[in-house]
PDB file of N, CA and C in Angstrom:
ATOM      1  N   UNK A   1    -112.833 -13.674  51.080  1.00  0.00           N
ATOM      2  CA  UNK A   1    -113.114 -14.958  49.897  1.00  0.00           C
ATOM      3  C   UNK A   1    -113.653 -16.037  50.484  1.00  0.00           C
ATOM      4  N   UNK A   2    -114.639 -17.119  49.497  1.00  0.00           N
ATOM      5  CA  UNK A   2    -115.013 -17.835  49.255  1.00  0.00           C
ATOM      6  C   UNK A   2    -114.463 -19.499  49.774  1.00  0.00           C
ATOM      7  N   UNK A   3    -115.300 -20.807  49.905  1.00  0.00           N
ATOM      8  CA  UNK A   3    -115.209 -21.759  50.324  1.00  0.00           C
ATOM      9  C   UNK A   3    -114.440 -22.628  49.691  1.00  0.00           C
ATOM     10  N   UNK A   4    -115.086 -22.138  48.503  1.00  0.00           N
ATOM     11  CA  UNK A   4    -114.217 -23.054  47.190  1.00  0.00           C
ATOM     12  C   UNK A   4    -112.458 -22.298  46.895  1.00  0.00           C
ATOM     13  N   UNK A   5    -112.702 -20.898  46.819  1.00  0.00           N
ATOM     14  CA  UNK A   5    -111.391 -20.584  46.507  1.00  0.00           C
ATOM     15  C   UNK A   5    -110.452 -20.254  48.165  1.00  0.00           C
ATOM     16  N   UNK A   6    -111.346 -20.845  48.705  1.00  0.00           N
ATOM     17  CA  UNK A   6    -109.809 -20.850  49.590  1.00  0.00           C
ATOM     18  C   UNK A   6    -109.502 -22.362  49.351  1.00  0.00           C
ATOM     19  N   UNK A   7    -110.840 -23.391  49.414  1.00  0.00           N
ATOM     20  CA  UNK A   7    -110.213 -25.067  49.506  1.00  0.00           C
ATOM     21  C   UNK A   7    -108.974 -24.733  48.349  1.00  0.00           C
ATOM     22  N   UNK A   8    -109.133 -23.761  46.973  1.00  0.00           N
ATOM     23  CA  UNK A   8    -108.474 -24.058  45.837  1.00  0.00           C
ATOM     24  C   UNK A   8    -107.134 -23.896  45.658  1.00  0.00           C
ATOM     25  N   UNK A   9    -107.175 -22.211  46.702  1.00  0.00           N
ATOM     26  CA  UNK A   9    -105.404 -21.498  47.533  1.00  0.00           C
ATOM     27  C   UNK A   9    -105.089 -22.316  48.646  1.00  0.00           C
ATOM     28  N   UNK A  10    -105.906 -23.129  48.980  1.00  0.00           N
ATOM     29  CA  UNK A  10    -104.989 -24.151  50.446  1.00  0.00           C
ATOM     30  C   UNK A  10    -104.540 -25.614  49.042  1.00  0.00           C
ATOM     31  N   UNK A  11    -105.198 -26.307  48.345  1.00  0.00           N
ATOM     32  CA  UNK A  11    -104.648 -27.080  47.878  1.00  0.00           C
ATOM     33  C   UNK A  11    -103.208 -26.822  46.855  1.00  0.00           C
ATOM     34  N   UNK A  12    -103.022 -25.545  46.193  1.00  0.00           N
ATOM     35  CA  UNK A  12    -101.832 -24.610  45.644  1.00  0.00           C
ATOM     36  C   UNK A  12    -101.478 -24.494  46.375  1.00  0.00           C
ATOM     37  N   UNK A  13    -101.032 -24.295  47.648  1.00  0.00           N
ATOM     38  CA  UNK A  13    -100.298 -24.604  48.338  1.00  0.00           C
ATOM     39  C   UNK A  13     -99.224 -25.046  48.847  1.00  0.00           C
ATOM     40  N   UNK A  14    -100.499 -25.824  48.899  1.00  0.00           N
ATOM     41  CA  UNK A  14     -99.821 -27.570  49.830  1.00  0.00           C
ATOM     42  C   UNK A  14     -98.508 -28.813  49.194  1.00  0.00           C
ATOM     43  N   UNK A  15     -98.900 -27.852  47.470  1.00  0.00           N
ATOM     44  CA  UNK A  15     -98.177 -28.272  46.464  1.00  0.00           C
ATOM     45  C   UNK A  15     -96.378 -27.309  46.758  1.00  0.00           C
ATOM     46  N   UNK A  16     -96.809 -26.733  47.158  1.00  0.00           N
ATOM     47  CA  UNK A  16     -94.583 -26.059  47.074  1.00  0.00           C
ATOM     48  C   UNK A  16     -93.950 -26.206  47.609  1.00  0.00           C
ATOM     49  N   UNK A  17     -93.161 -26.392  47.173  1.00  0.00           N
ATOM     50  CA  UNK A  17     -91.962 -26.803  47.795  1.00  0.00           C
ATOM     51  C   UNK A  17     -91.663 -25.494  48.951  1.00  0.00           C
ATOM     52  N   UNK A  18     -90.999 -25.965  50.002  1.00  0.00           N
ATOM     53  CA  UNK A  18     -90.360 -24.522  50.715  1.00  0.00           C
ATOM     54  C   UNK A  18     -89.776 -23.718  50.111  1.00  0.00           C
ATOM     55  N   UNK A  19     -89.598 -24.004  48.925  1.00  0.00           N
ATOM     56  CA  UNK A  19     -88.365 -22.206  48.637  1.00  0.00           C
ATOM     57  C   UNK A  19     -89.609 -21.907  47.917  1.00  0.00           C
ATOM     58  N   UNK A  20     -90.230 -22.453  47.166  1.00  0.00           N
ATOM     59  CA  UNK A  20     -91.271 -21.783  46.531  1.00  0.00           C
ATOM     60  C   UNK A  20     -92.681 -20.879  47.703  1.00  0.00           C
ATOM     61  N   UNK A  21     -92.848 -21.167  48.733  1.00  0.00           N
ATOM     62  CA  UNK A  21     -93.507 -21.072  49.432  1.00  0.00           C
ATOM     63  C   UNK A  21     -93.309 -19.923  50.012  1.00  0.00           C
ATOM     64  N   UNK A  22     -92.174 -19.800  50.226  1.00  0.00           N
ATOM     65  CA  UNK A  22     -91.241 -18.603  50.932  1.00  0.00           C
ATOM     66  C   UNK A  22     -91.190 -17.779  49.748  1.00  0.00           C
ATOM     67  N   UNK A  23     -90.965 -17.537  48.438  1.00  0.00           N
ATOM     68  CA  UNK A  23     -90.810 -16.658  47.394  1.00  0.00           C
ATOM     69  C   UNK A  23     -92.831 -16.483  47.602  1.00  0.00           C
ATOM     70  N   UNK A  24     -93.745 -17.488  47.241  1.00  0.00           N
ATOM     71  CA  UNK A  24     -94.864 -17.019  47.746  1.00  0.00           C
ATOM     72  C   UNK A  24     -95.136 -15.561  49.076  1.00  0.00           C
ATOM     73  N   UNK A  25     -94.506 -16.391  49.744  1.00  0.00           N
ATOM     74  CA  UNK A  25     -94.975 -15.125  50.819  1.00  0.00           C
ATOM     75  C   UNK A  25     -94.514 -13.983  51.286  1.00  0.00           C
ATOM     76  N   UNK A  26     -93.113 -14.257  50.340  1.00  0.00           N
ATOM     77  CA  UNK A  26     -92.352 -12.268  50.107  1.00  0.00           C
ATOM     78  C   UNK A  26     -93.160 -12.366  49.335  1.00  0.00           C
ATOM     79  N   UNK A  27     -93.904 -12.514  48.770  1.00  0.00           N
ATOM     80  CA  UNK A  27     -94.741 -11.741  46.866  1.00  0.00           C
ATOM     81  C   UNK A  27     -95.539 -10.864  47.277  1.00  0.00           C
ATOM     82  N   UNK A  28     -96.499 -11.673  48.120  1.00  0.00           N
ATOM     83  CA  UNK A  28     -97.357 -11.610  48.789  1.00  0.00           C
ATOM     84  C   UNK A  28     -97.619 -10.351  49.578  1.00  0.00           C
ATOM     85  N   UNK A  29     -96.452 -10.455  51.188  1.00  0.00           N
ATOM     86  CA  UNK A  29     -96.002  -9.146  51.594  1.00  0.00           C
ATOM     87  C   UNK A  29     -95.819  -7.839  50.899  1.00  0.00           C
ATOM     88  N   UNK A  30     -95.046  -8.482  49.734  1.00  0.00           N
ATOM     89  CA  UNK A  30     -94.537  -6.629  49.159  1.00  0.00           C
ATOM     90  C   UNK A  30     -95.638  -6.375  49.113  1.00  0.00           C
ATOM     91  N   UNK A  31     -96.807  -6.675  48.003  1.00  0.00           N
ATOM     92  CA  UNK A  31     -97.700  -6.859  47.360  1.00  0.00           C
ATOM     93  C   UNK A  31     -98.756  -5.842  48.041  1.00  0.00           C
ATOM     94  N   UNK A  32     -98.808  -6.461  49.884  1.00  0.00           N
ATOM     95  CA  UNK A  32     -99.614  -5.751  50.611  1.00  0.00           C
ATOM     96  C   UNK A  32     -99.171  -4.779  51.024  1.00  0.00           C
ATOM     97  N   UNK A  33     -97.435  -4.375  51.569  1.00  0.00           N
ATOM     98  CA  UNK A  33     -96.555  -3.530  52.311  1.00  0.00           C
ATOM     99  C   UNK A  33     -96.856  -2.312  50.444  1.00  0.00           C
ATOM    100  N   UNK A  34     -96.849  -2.375  49.790  1.00  0.00           N
ATOM    101  CA  UNK A  34     -97.018  -1.659  48.650  1.00  0.00           C
ATOM    102  C   UNK A  34     -98.294  -0.961  48.847  1.00  0.00           C
ATOM    103  N   UNK A  35     -99.568  -1.078  49.357  1.00  0.00           N
ATOM    104  CA  UNK A  35    -101.324  -0.983  49.705  1.00  0.00           C
ATOM    105  C   UNK A  35    -101.161  -0.391  50.302  1.00  0.00           C
ATOM    106  N   UNK A  36    -100.657  -0.951  51.012  1.00  0.00           N
ATOM    107  CA  UNK A  36    -101.605  -0.542  52.232  1.00  0.00           C
ATOM    108  C   UNK A  36    -100.358  -0.059  53.640  1.00  0.00           C
ATOM    109  N   UNK A  37     -99.352   0.344  52.966  1.00  0.00           N
ATOM    110  CA  UNK A  37     -98.202   0.549  54.328  1.00  0.00           C
ATOM    111  C   UNK A  37     -97.971   2.352  54.657  1.00  0.00           C
ATOM    112  N   UNK A  38     -98.659   2.980  56.133  1.00  0.00           N
ATOM    113  CA  UNK A  38     -99.639   3.803  56.319  1.00  0.00           C
ATOM    114  C   UNK A  38     -98.302   5.356  55.820  1.00  0.00           C
ATOM    115  N   UNK A  39     -98.635   6.358  55.184  1.00  0.00           N
ATOM    116  CA  UNK A  39     -97.558   7.243  55.713  1.00  0.00           C
ATOM    117  C   UNK A  39     -97.103   7.499  53.641  1.00  0.00           C
ATOM    118  N   UNK A  40     -97.472   6.645  52.952  1.00  0.00           N
ATOM    119  CA  UNK A  40     -96.978   6.444  51.650  1.00  0.00           C
ATOM    120  C   UNK A  40     -98.194   7.041  50.882  1.00  0.00           C
ATOM    121  N   UNK A  41     -97.325   7.252  49.398  1.00  0.00           N
ATOM    122  CA  UNK A  41     -98.279   7.835  48.896  1.00  0.00           C
ATOM    123  C   UNK A  41     -97.238   6.999  47.283  1.00  0.00           C
ATOM    124  N   UNK A  42     -98.890   7.284  46.343  1.00  0.00           N
ATOM    125  CA  UNK A  42     -98.865   6.740  45.140  1.00  0.00           C
ATOM    126  C   UNK A  42     -97.635   7.245  44.428  1.00  0.00           C
ATOM    127  N   UNK A  43     -96.978   6.290  44.077  1.00  0.00           N
ATOM    128  CA  UNK A  43     -95.778   6.506  43.039  1.00  0.00           C
ATOM    129  C   UNK A  43     -96.327   7.577  41.817  1.00  0.00           C
ATOM    130  N   UNK A  44     -96.653   8.742  41.162  1.00  0.00           N
ATOM    131  CA  UNK A  44     -97.141   9.221  40.060  1.00  0.00           C
ATOM    132  C   UNK A  44     -96.762   8.771  38.392  1.00  0.00           C
ATOM    133  N   UNK A  45     -95.279   9.335  38.673  1.00  0.00           N
ATOM    134  CA  UNK A  45     -94.909   8.060  37.359  1.00  0.00           C
ATOM    135  C   UNK A  45     -95.358   6.870  36.498  1.00  0.00           C
ATOM    136  N   UNK A  46     -95.684   5.948  37.568  1.00  0.00           N
ATOM    137  CA  UNK A  46     -95.857   4.587  37.383  1.00  0.00           C
ATOM    138  C   UNK A  46     -97.697   5.002  37.592  1.00  0.00           C
ATOM    139  N   UNK A  47     -98.092   5.418  38.048  1.00  0.00           N
ATOM    140  CA  UNK A  47     -99.484   5.703  38.152  1.00  0.00           C
ATOM    141  C   UNK A  47     -99.796   4.918  39.539  1.00  0.00           C
ATOM    142  N   UNK A  48     -99.356   4.488  40.403  1.00  0.00           N
ATOM    143  CA  UNK A  48     -99.145   3.717  41.769  1.00  0.00           C
ATOM    144  C   UNK A  48     -98.735   2.524  41.636  1.00  0.00           C
ATOM    145  N   UNK A  49     -98.867   2.056  40.523  1.00  0.00           N
ATOM    146  CA  UNK A  49     -98.241   1.058  40.267  1.00  0.00           C
ATOM    147  C   UNK A  49     -96.772   0.724  41.281  1.00  0.00           C
ATOM    148  N   UNK A  50     -96.717  -1.056  41.810  1.00  0.00           N
ATOM    149  CA  UNK A  50     -95.386  -1.511  42.044  1.00  0.00           C
ATOM    150  C   UNK A  50     -94.085  -1.946  41.088  1.00  0.00           C
ATOM    151  N   UNK A  51     -93.175  -1.483  41.204  1.00  0.00           N
ATOM    152  CA  UNK A  51     -91.915  -2.407  39.907  1.00  0.00           C
ATOM    153  C   UNK A  51     -92.059  -4.206  40.250  1.00  0.00           C
ATOM    154  N   UNK A  52     -93.094  -4.756  41.050  1.00  0.00           N
ATOM    155  CA  UNK A  52     -93.288  -5.601  40.562  1.00  0.00           C
ATOM    156  C   UNK A  52     -94.828  -5.216  39.355  1.00  0.00           C
ATOM    157  N   UNK A  53     -95.871  -5.128  40.009  1.00  0.00           N
ATOM    158  CA  UNK A  53     -96.477  -5.185  39.351  1.00  0.00           C
ATOM    159  C   UNK A  53     -96.359  -4.923  37.681  1.00  0.00           C
ATOM    160  N   UNK A  54     -95.617  -3.772  37.935  1.00  0.00           N
ATOM    161  CA  UNK A  54     -95.155  -3.397  36.765  1.00  0.00           C
ATOM    162  C   UNK A  54     -94.772  -4.653  35.310  1.00  0.00           C
ATOM    163  N   UNK A  55     -93.453  -5.372  36.092  1.00  0.00           N
ATOM    164  CA  UNK A  55     -93.083  -6.334  36.219  1.00  0.00           C
ATOM    165  C   UNK A  55     -93.758  -7.555  35.661  1.00  0.00           C
ATOM    166  N   UNK A  56     -95.004  -7.660  35.685  1.00  0.00           N
ATOM    167  CA  UNK A  56     -96.071  -8.806  35.770  1.00  0.00           C
ATOM    168  C   UNK A  56     -96.439  -7.832  34.274  1.00  0.00           C
ATOM    169  N   UNK A  57     -96.981  -7.139  34.740  1.00  0.00           N
ATOM    170  CA  UNK A  57     -98.049  -6.809  33.298  1.00  0.00           C
ATOM    171  C   UNK A  57     -96.852  -6.735  32.555  1.00  0.00           C
ATOM    172  N   UNK A  58     -95.406  -6.049  32.222  1.00  0.00           N
ATOM    173  CA  UNK A  58     -94.300  -6.612  30.828  1.00  0.00           C
ATOM    174  C   UNK A  58     -94.450  -7.809  30.780  1.00  0.00           C
ATOM    175  N   UNK A  59     -94.533  -8.605  31.209  1.00  0.00           N
ATOM    176  CA  UNK A  59     -94.698 -10.331  30.777  1.00  0.00           C
ATOM    177  C   UNK A  59     -96.177 -10.284  30.322  1.00  0.00           C
ATOM    178  N   UNK A  60     -97.166 -10.004  30.899  1.00  0.00           N
ATOM    179  CA  UNK A  60     -98.667 -10.168  30.095  1.00  0.00           C
ATOM    180  C   UNK A  60     -98.427  -9.456  29.227  1.00  0.00           C
ATOM    181  N   UNK A  61     -97.838  -8.785  28.634  1.00  0.00           N
ATOM    182  CA  UNK A  61     -98.342  -7.852  27.270  1.00  0.00           C
ATOM    183  C   UNK A  61     -97.225  -8.658  26.210  1.00  0.00           C
ATOM    184  N   UNK A  62     -96.228  -9.337  26.850  1.00  0.00           N
ATOM    185  CA  UNK A  62     -95.227 -10.666  25.943  1.00  0.00           C
ATOM    186  C   UNK A  62     -96.187 -11.960  25.833  1.00  0.00           C
ATOM    187  N   UNK A  63     -97.279 -11.662  26.644  1.00  0.00           N
ATOM    188  CA  UNK A  63     -97.686 -13.124  26.097  1.00  0.00           C
ATOM    189  C   UNK A  63     -97.976 -14.153  27.431  1.00  0.00           C
ATOM    190  N   UNK A  64     -97.857 -13.910  28.426  1.00  0.00           N
ATOM    191  CA  UNK A  64     -97.256 -14.790  29.472  1.00  0.00           C
ATOM    192  C   UNK A  64     -98.084 -14.981  29.475  1.00  0.00           C
ATOM    193  N   UNK A  65     -98.217 -16.091  30.160  1.00  0.00           N
ATOM    194  CA  UNK A  65     -99.025 -17.468  31.184  1.00  0.00           C
ATOM    195  C   UNK A  65     -98.722 -17.362  32.628  1.00  0.00           C
ATOM    196  N   UNK A  66     -99.695 -17.426  33.561  1.00  0.00           N
ATOM    197  CA  UNK A  66     -99.737 -16.560  35.023  1.00  0.00           C
ATOM    198  C   UNK A  66     -98.224 -17.652  35.186  1.00  0.00           C
ATOM    199  N   UNK A  67     -98.798 -19.086  34.701  1.00  0.00           N
ATOM    200  CA  UNK A  67     -97.878 -19.915  35.632  1.00  0.00           C
ATOM    201  C   UNK A  67     -96.311 -19.909  34.550  1.00  0.00           C
ATOM    202  N   UNK A  68     -96.175 -18.985  33.409  1.00  0.00           N
ATOM    203  CA  UNK A  68     -94.896 -18.584  33.459  1.00  0.00           C
ATOM    204  C   UNK A  68     -94.010 -17.500  33.883  1.00  0.00           C
ATOM    205  N   UNK A  69     -95.278 -16.616  33.695  1.00  0.00           N
ATOM    206  CA  UNK A  69     -94.410 -15.522  34.717  1.00  0.00           C
ATOM    207  C   UNK A  69     -93.878 -16.076  35.890  1.00  0.00           C
ATOM    208  N   UNK A  70     -95.292 -16.481  36.550  1.00  0.00           N
ATOM    209  CA  UNK A  70     -94.447 -17.306  38.008  1.00  0.00           C
ATOM    210  C   UNK A  70     -92.732 -17.814  38.192  1.00  0.00           C
ATOM    211  N   UNK A  71     -92.599 -19.150  36.674  1.00  0.00           N
ATOM    212  CA  UNK A  71     -91.175 -19.247  37.225  1.00  0.00           C
ATOM    213  C   UNK A  71     -90.573 -17.968  36.302  1.00  0.00           C
ATOM    214  N   UNK A  72     -90.964 -17.081  36.277  1.00  0.00           N
ATOM    215  CA  UNK A  72     -89.535 -16.326  35.141  1.00  0.00           C
ATOM    216  C   UNK A  72     -89.331 -15.577  36.621  1.00  0.00           C
ATOM    217  N   UNK A  73     -89.982 -15.015  37.695  1.00  0.00           N
ATOM    218  CA  UNK A  73     -90.740 -14.368  38.775  1.00  0.00           C
ATOM    219  C   UNK A  73     -90.309 -15.125  39.966  1.00  0.00           C
ATOM    220  N   UNK A  74     -90.429 -16.462  39.938  1.00  0.00           N
ATOM    221  CA  UNK A  74     -90.073 -17.098  41.242  1.00  0.00           C
ATOM    222  C   UNK A  74     -90.837 -16.726  42.246  1.00  0.00           C
ATOM    223  N   UNK A  75     -92.141 -16.489  41.797  1.00  0.00           N
ATOM    224  CA  UNK A  75     -93.370 -16.864  42.964  1.00  0.00           C
ATOM    225  C   UNK A  75     -94.058 -17.415  42.404  1.00  0.00           C
ATOM    226  N   UNK A  76     -95.191 -17.318  43.374  1.00  0.00           N
ATOM    227  CA  UNK A  76     -96.641 -19.237  43.016  1.00  0.00           C
ATOM    228  C   UNK A  76     -97.664 -17.659  41.249  1.00  0.00           C
ATOM    229  N   UNK A  77     -97.657 -18.623  41.501  1.00  0.00           N
ATOM    230  CA  UNK A  77     -99.162 -18.413  40.494  1.00  0.00           C
ATOM    231  C   UNK A  77    -100.195 -17.368  40.671  1.00  0.00           C
ATOM    232  N   UNK A  78    -100.661 -17.753  42.204  1.00  0.00           N
ATOM    233  CA  UNK A  78    -101.539 -16.594  42.689  1.00  0.00           C
ATOM    234  C   UNK A  78    -100.736 -15.476  42.847  1.00  0.00           C
ATOM    235  N   UNK A  79     -99.383 -15.562  43.417  1.00  0.00           N
ATOM    236  CA  UNK A  79     -98.580 -13.751  43.227  1.00  0.00           C
ATOM    237  C   UNK A  79     -98.909 -13.293  42.142  1.00  0.00           C
ATOM    238  N   UNK A  80     -98.643 -14.308  41.200  1.00  0.00           N
ATOM    239  CA  UNK A  80     -98.931 -13.156  40.596  1.00  0.00           C
ATOM    240  C   UNK A  80    -100.626 -12.534  40.360  1.00  0.00           C
ATOM    241  N   UNK A  81    -101.732 -13.881  40.435  1.00  0.00           N
ATOM    242  CA  UNK A  81    -103.076 -12.860  40.155  1.00  0.00           C
ATOM    243  C   UNK A  81    -102.930 -12.015  41.422  1.00  0.00           C
ATOM    244  N   UNK A  82    -102.822 -12.057  41.805  1.00  0.00           N
ATOM    245  CA  UNK A  82    -102.141 -10.408  43.310  1.00  0.00           C
ATOM    246  C   UNK A  82    -102.241  -9.618  42.215  1.00  0.00           C
ATOM    247  N   UNK A  83    -100.885 -10.166  42.135  1.00  0.00           N
ATOM    248  CA  UNK A  83    -100.197  -8.454  41.714  1.00  0.00           C
ATOM    249  C   UNK A  83    -100.937  -7.960  40.361  1.00  0.00           C
ATOM    250  N   UNK A  84    -102.289  -9.153  39.657  1.00  0.00           N
ATOM    251  CA  UNK A  84    -102.860  -8.973  38.468  1.00  0.00           C
ATOM    252  C   UNK A  84    -103.558  -7.841  39.307  1.00  0.00           C
ATOM    253  N   UNK A  85    -104.622  -8.026  39.848  1.00  0.00           N
ATOM    254  CA  UNK A  85    -106.108  -8.107  40.945  1.00  0.00           C
ATOM    255  C   UNK A  85    -105.442  -6.887  41.067  1.00  0.00           C
ATOM    256  N   UNK A  86    -104.232  -6.764  41.450  1.00  0.00           N
ATOM    257  CA  UNK A  86    -103.695  -4.739  42.136  1.00  0.00           C
ATOM    258  C   UNK A  86    -104.129  -4.044  41.304  1.00  0.00           C
ATOM    259  N   UNK A  87    -102.140  -4.155  40.362  1.00  0.00           N
ATOM    260  CA  UNK A  87    -102.672  -3.466  38.882  1.00  0.00           C
ATOM    261  C   UNK A  87    -104.376  -2.861  38.116  1.00  0.00           C
ATOM    262  N   UNK A  88    -105.328  -3.949  38.294  1.00  0.00           N
ATOM    263  CA  UNK A  88    -105.766  -4.170  37.659  1.00  0.00           C
ATOM    264  C   UNK A  88    -106.888  -2.966  38.374  1.00  0.00           C
ATOM    265  N   UNK A  89    -106.712  -2.471  39.444  1.00  0.00           N
ATOM    266  CA  UNK A  89    -107.555  -1.906  40.599  1.00  0.00           C
ATOM    267  C   UNK A  89    -107.092  -0.637  40.005  1.00  0.00           C
ATOM    268  N   UNK A  90    -105.123  -0.793  40.358  1.00  0.00           N
ATOM    269  CA  UNK A  90    -105.238   0.784  40.477  1.00  0.00           C
ATOM    270  C   UNK A  90    -105.626   1.498  38.973  1.00  0.00           C
ATOM    271  N   UNK A  91    -105.520   0.110  37.398  1.00  0.00           N
ATOM    272  CA  UNK A  91    -105.857   0.695  36.333  1.00  0.00           C
ATOM    273  C   UNK A  91    -107.491   1.419  36.272  1.00  0.00           C
ATOM    274  N   UNK A  92    -108.186   1.056  36.839  1.00  0.00           N
ATOM    275  CA  UNK A  92    -109.275   0.869  36.690  1.00  0.00           C
ATOM    276  C   UNK A  92    -109.586   0.007  35.802  1.00  0.00           C
ATOM    277  N   UNK A  93    -109.212  -0.789  35.743  1.00  0.00           N
ATOM    278  CA  UNK A  93    -109.746  -2.465  33.890  1.00  0.00           C
ATOM    279  C   UNK A  93    -110.209  -3.458  35.079  1.00  0.00           C
ATOM    280  N   UNK A  94    -110.286  -4.593  34.444  1.00  0.00           N
ATOM    281  CA  UNK A  94    -110.663  -5.601  34.589  1.00  0.00           C
ATOM    282  C   UNK A  94    -110.653  -6.564  33.551  1.00  0.00           C
ATOM    283  N   UNK A  95    -109.208  -6.273  33.363  1.00  0.00           N
ATOM    284  CA  UNK A  95    -108.970  -7.862  32.126  1.00  0.00           C
ATOM    285  C   UNK A  95    -107.446  -7.992  32.379  1.00  0.00           C
ATOM    286  N   UNK A  96    -106.852  -8.904  31.511  1.00  0.00           N
ATOM    287  CA  UNK A  96    -105.852  -8.760  31.472  1.00  0.00           C
ATOM    288  C   UNK A  96    -104.745  -7.383  29.911  1.00  0.00           C
ATOM    289  N   UNK A  97    -106.134  -7.481  28.545  1.00  0.00           N
ATOM    290  CA  UNK A  97    -106.262  -7.008  27.265  1.00  0.00           C
ATOM    291  C   UNK A  97    -105.993  -5.312  28.172  1.00  0.00           C
ATOM    292  N   UNK A  98    -106.880  -5.274  28.419  1.00  0.00           N
ATOM    293  CA  UNK A  98    -107.260  -3.877  28.973  1.00  0.00           C
ATOM    294  C   UNK A  98    -106.177  -3.283  29.975  1.00  0.00           C
ATOM    295  N   UNK A  99    -105.867  -4.349  30.917  1.00  0.00           N
ATOM    296  CA  UNK A  99    -104.437  -3.566  32.116  1.00  0.00           C
ATOM    297  C   UNK A  99    -103.613  -2.950  30.727  1.00  0.00           C
ATOM    298  N   UNK A 100    -103.122  -3.773  30.475  1.00  0.00           N
ATOM    299  CA  UNK A 100    -102.009  -3.856  28.874  1.00  0.00           C
ATOM    300  C   UNK A 100    -102.474  -2.739  28.426  1.00  0.00           C
ATOM    301  N   UNK A 101    -103.226  -2.061  27.852  1.00  0.00           N
ATOM    302  CA  UNK A 101    -103.656  -1.135  26.563  1.00  0.00           C
ATOM    303  C   UNK A 101    -103.464  -0.030  27.974  1.00  0.00           C
ATOM    304  N   UNK A 102    -103.725  -0.300  28.859  1.00  0.00           N
ATOM    305  CA  UNK A 102    -104.291   0.736  29.678  1.00  0.00           C
ATOM    306  C   UNK A 102    -103.052   1.682  30.441  1.00  0.00           C
ATOM    307  N   UNK A 103    -102.238   0.461  30.395  1.00  0.00           N
ATOM    308  CA  UNK A 103    -100.727   1.552  30.994  1.00  0.00           C
ATOM    309  C   UNK A 103    -100.280   1.410  29.658  1.00  0.00           C
ATOM    310  N   UNK A 104     -99.944   0.860  28.274  1.00  0.00           N
ATOM    311  CA  UNK A 104     -99.616   1.472  27.371  1.00  0.00           C
ATOM    312  C   UNK A 104     -99.715   3.016  26.907  1.00  0.00           C
ATOM    313  N   UNK A 105    -101.319   3.394  26.554  1.00  0.00           N
ATOM    314  CA  UNK A 105    -101.798   4.541  26.795  1.00  0.00           C
ATOM    315  C   UNK A 105    -100.818   5.560  27.939  1.00  0.00           C
ATOM    316  N   UNK A 106    -100.829   5.284  28.999  1.00  0.00           N
ATOM    317  CA  UNK A 106     -99.829   6.036  30.479  1.00  0.00           C
ATOM    318  C   UNK A 106     -98.517   6.438  30.005  1.00  0.00           C
ATOM    319  N   UNK A 107     -98.301   5.232  28.999  1.00  0.00           N
ATOM    320  CA  UNK A 107     -96.683   5.089  28.664  1.00  0.00           C
ATOM    321  C   UNK A 107     -95.571   4.383  29.531  1.00  0.00           C
ATOM    322  N   UNK A 108     -96.753   3.856  30.926  1.00  0.00           N
ATOM    323  CA  UNK A 108     -95.812   2.873  31.891  1.00  0.00           C
ATOM    324  C   UNK A 108     -95.048   1.598  30.700  1.00  0.00           C
ATOM    325  N   UNK A 109     -96.027   1.264  29.562  1.00  0.00           N
ATOM    326  CA  UNK A 109     -95.808   0.253  29.160  1.00  0.00           C
ATOM    327  C   UNK A 109     -93.969   0.245  27.540  1.00  0.00           C
TER     328      UNK A 109
END
């Protein structure tokens, strides 16, 4: 994480209410646990995507912005971006459009 990205994330976090900060922390913890828990295997049916990553992708497919997704799911925009980054890696894509197309092609959206 570069200095500029850290400063931007820090500033975004300082603007959160305690409720939003807690929701953000829970979202990050869920995303981290889903990708790093020892002894777990990816869900073949969803190609390794967590339920939350799928939820975010569904909202992306509906045309929602990061901010709109964050509001709908009671998480912060940074958590939305974390879920998207994880989904991009699992689907081996580099953009929102490619992620939605890949998920549709795989039959998970």
